[in-house]
Amino acid sequence: MVISTKMNRTIIIRRNYLHYIKKFNRFEKRHSNMAAHCSPAFEPKEGDIVTVGQCRPLSKTVRFNVLKVEKNQIFGNPRKVFMLF
């Protein structure tokens, strides 16, 4: 899910996942942010779902490239929404 498009040709995506805690036999929500290069052919907005693929290091933090953008209607702040799929 795209959370920031402020950089030039680079977006920040939020990856949500569940982590299993064996002691309590439950899952906890976790997330990680990663930077991805976005070609000028794509026009992602905040809240869109993107598919990224790993590539060679393009900069200090960018190691992924946007492959596909799916327009999505997320109401409210995309940082606060936990969407697994």
C-alpha atoms as a PDB file:
ATOM      1  CA  MET A   1       0.000   0.000   0.000  1.00  0.00           C
ATOM      2  CA  VAL A   2       1.407   3.401  -0.978  1.00  0.00           C
ATOM      3  CA  ILE A   3       1.762   5.807   1.935  1.00  0.00           C
ATOM      4  CA  SER A   4       3.953   8.549   0.421  1.00  0.00           C
ATOM      5  CA  THR A   5       4.660   9.856  -3.076  1.00  0.00           C
ATOM      6  CA  LYS A   6       6.596  12.984  -2.117  1.00  0.00           C
ATOM      7  CA  MET A   7       9.972  11.934  -3.557  1.00  0.00           C
ATOM      8  CA  ASN A   8      10.939  12.195  -7.206  1.00  0.00           C
ATOM      9  CA  ARG A   9      10.233   8.807  -8.894  1.00  0.00           C
ATOM     10  CA  THR A  10      10.331   7.027  -5.522  1.00  0.00           C
ATOM     11  CA  ILE A  11       7.419   5.950  -3.345  1.00  0.00           C
ATOM     12  CA  ILE A  12       7.202   4.613   0.186  1.00  0.00           C
ATOM     13  CA  ILE A  13       5.098   1.490   0.599  1.00  0.00           C
ATOM     14  CA  ARG A  14       3.816  -0.102   3.797  1.00  0.00           C
ATOM     15  CA  ARG A  15       3.964  -3.888   4.017  1.00  0.00           C
ATOM     16  CA  ASN A  16       1.529  -5.330   6.573  1.00  0.00           C
ATOM     17  CA  TYR A  17       1.979  -8.842   7.901  1.00  0.00           C
ATOM     18  CA  LEU A  18       1.032 -11.048  10.846  1.00  0.00           C
ATOM     19  CA  HIS A  19       3.646 -12.475  13.209  1.00  0.00           C
ATOM     20  CA  TYR A  20       2.811 -15.609  15.185  1.00  0.00           C
ATOM     21  CA  ILE A  21       3.556 -15.636  18.940  1.00  0.00           C
ATOM     22  CA  LYS A  22       3.900 -19.267  20.002  1.00  0.00           C
ATOM     23  CA  LYS A  23       3.652 -18.591  23.743  1.00  0.00           C
ATOM     24  CA  PHE A  24       0.213 -16.968  23.473  1.00  0.00           C
ATOM     25  CA  ASN A  25      -0.961 -18.970  20.426  1.00  0.00           C
ATOM     26  CA  ARG A  26      -1.957 -15.741  18.646  1.00  0.00           C
ATOM     27  CA  PHE A  27      -0.903 -13.413  15.865  1.00  0.00           C
ATOM     28  CA  GLU A  28       0.204  -9.805  16.206  1.00  0.00           C
ATOM     29  CA  LYS A  29       0.043  -7.131  13.534  1.00  0.00           C
ATOM     30  CA  ARG A  30       3.342  -5.775  12.248  1.00  0.00           C
ATOM     31  CA  HIS A  31       4.401  -3.569   9.375  1.00  0.00           C
ATOM     32  CA  SER A  32       7.518  -2.411   7.580  1.00  0.00           C
ATOM     33  CA  ASN A  33       8.067   0.567   5.287  1.00  0.00           C
ATOM     34  CA  MET A  34      10.213   0.268   2.181  1.00  0.00           C
ATOM     35  CA  ALA A  35      11.167   2.561  -0.651  1.00  0.00           C
ATOM     36  CA  ALA A  36      10.492   1.552  -4.255  1.00  0.00           C
ATOM     37  CA  HIS A  37      11.379   3.157  -7.565  1.00  0.00           C
ATOM     38  CA  CYS A  38       8.328   4.179  -9.577  1.00  0.00           C
ATOM     39  CA  SER A  39       8.569   4.660 -13.340  1.00  0.00           C
ATOM     40  CA  PRO A  40       6.985   7.843 -14.747  1.00  0.00           C
ATOM     41  CA  ALA A  41       4.567   5.556 -16.639  1.00  0.00           C
ATOM     42  CA  PHE A  42       2.819   4.764 -13.326  1.00  0.00           C
ATOM     43  CA  GLU A  43       0.852   7.380 -11.402  1.00  0.00           C
ATOM     44  CA  PRO A  44       0.222   5.891  -7.939  1.00  0.00           C
ATOM     45  CA  LYS A  45      -1.730   7.818  -5.324  1.00  0.00           C
ATOM     46  CA  GLU A  46      -1.696   7.356  -1.565  1.00  0.00           C
ATOM     47  CA  GLY A  47      -3.745   4.285  -0.635  1.00  0.00           C
ATOM     48  CA  ASP A  48      -3.166   2.402  -3.921  1.00  0.00           C
ATOM     49  CA  ILE A  49      -2.020  -1.214  -3.803  1.00  0.00           C
ATOM     50  CA  VAL A  50       1.234  -1.804  -5.699  1.00  0.00           C
ATOM     51  CA  THR A  51       3.157  -4.908  -6.690  1.00  0.00           C
ATOM     52  CA  VAL A  52       6.936  -4.545  -6.401  1.00  0.00           C
ATOM     53  CA  GLY A  53       9.840  -6.681  -7.525  1.00  0.00           C
ATOM     54  CA  GLN A  54      13.372  -6.838  -6.225  1.00  0.00           C
ATOM     55  CA  CYS A  55      16.136  -5.344  -8.370  1.00  0.00           C
ATOM     56  CA  ARG A  56      19.714  -4.141  -8.012  1.00  0.00           C
ATOM     57  CA  PRO A  57      20.345  -1.358  -5.482  1.00  0.00           C
ATOM     58  CA  LEU A  58      19.330   1.929  -7.097  1.00  0.00           C
ATOM     59  CA  SER A  59      20.316   4.056  -4.087  1.00  0.00           C
ATOM     60  CA  LYS A  60      21.039   3.695  -0.381  1.00  0.00           C
ATOM     61  CA  THR A  61      17.457   2.671   0.449  1.00  0.00           C
ATOM     62  CA  VAL A  62      15.818   1.716  -2.877  1.00  0.00           C
ATOM     63  CA  ARG A  63      16.014  -1.985  -3.784  1.00  0.00           C
ATOM     64  CA  PHE A  64      12.552  -2.542  -5.286  1.00  0.00           C
ATOM     65  CA  ASN A  65      10.794  -1.508  -8.490  1.00  0.00           C
ATOM     66  CA  VAL A  66       7.052  -0.984  -9.052  1.00  0.00           C
ATOM     67  CA  LEU A  67       5.585  -3.580 -11.431  1.00  0.00           C
ATOM     68  CA  LYS A  68       1.831  -3.017 -11.172  1.00  0.00           C
ATOM     69  CA  VAL A  69      -0.518  -0.447  -9.614  1.00  0.00           C
ATOM     70  CA  GLU A  70      -4.053  -1.321  -8.524  1.00  0.00           C
ATOM     71  CA  LYS A  71      -6.305   1.638  -7.820  1.00  0.00           C
ATOM     72  CA  ASN A  72      -7.926   1.263  -4.428  1.00  0.00           C
ATOM     73  CA  GLN A  73     -10.468   3.255  -2.457  1.00  0.00           C
ATOM     74  CA  ILE A  74      -9.167   3.621   1.088  1.00  0.00           C
ATOM     75  CA  PHE A  75     -11.036   6.116   3.195  1.00  0.00           C
ATOM     76  CA  GLY A  76      -9.070   7.908   5.874  1.00  0.00           C
ATOM     77  CA  ASN A  77      -5.371   7.817   6.547  1.00  0.00           C
ATOM     78  CA  PRO A  78      -3.598   4.962   4.677  1.00  0.00           C
ATOM     79  CA  ARG A  79      -1.015   4.711   7.475  1.00  0.00           C
ATOM     80  CA  LYS A  80      -3.678   3.646   9.977  1.00  0.00           C
ATOM     81  CA  VAL A  81      -5.342   0.970   7.832  1.00  0.00           C
ATOM     82  CA  PHE A  82      -4.200  -2.641   8.238  1.00  0.00           C
ATOM     83  CA  MET A  83      -4.961  -4.539   5.026  1.00  0.00           C
ATOM     84  CA  LEU A  84      -3.447  -7.992   4.784  1.00  0.00           C
ATOM     85  CA  PHE A  85      -4.381  -8.722   1.154  1.00  0.00           C
END
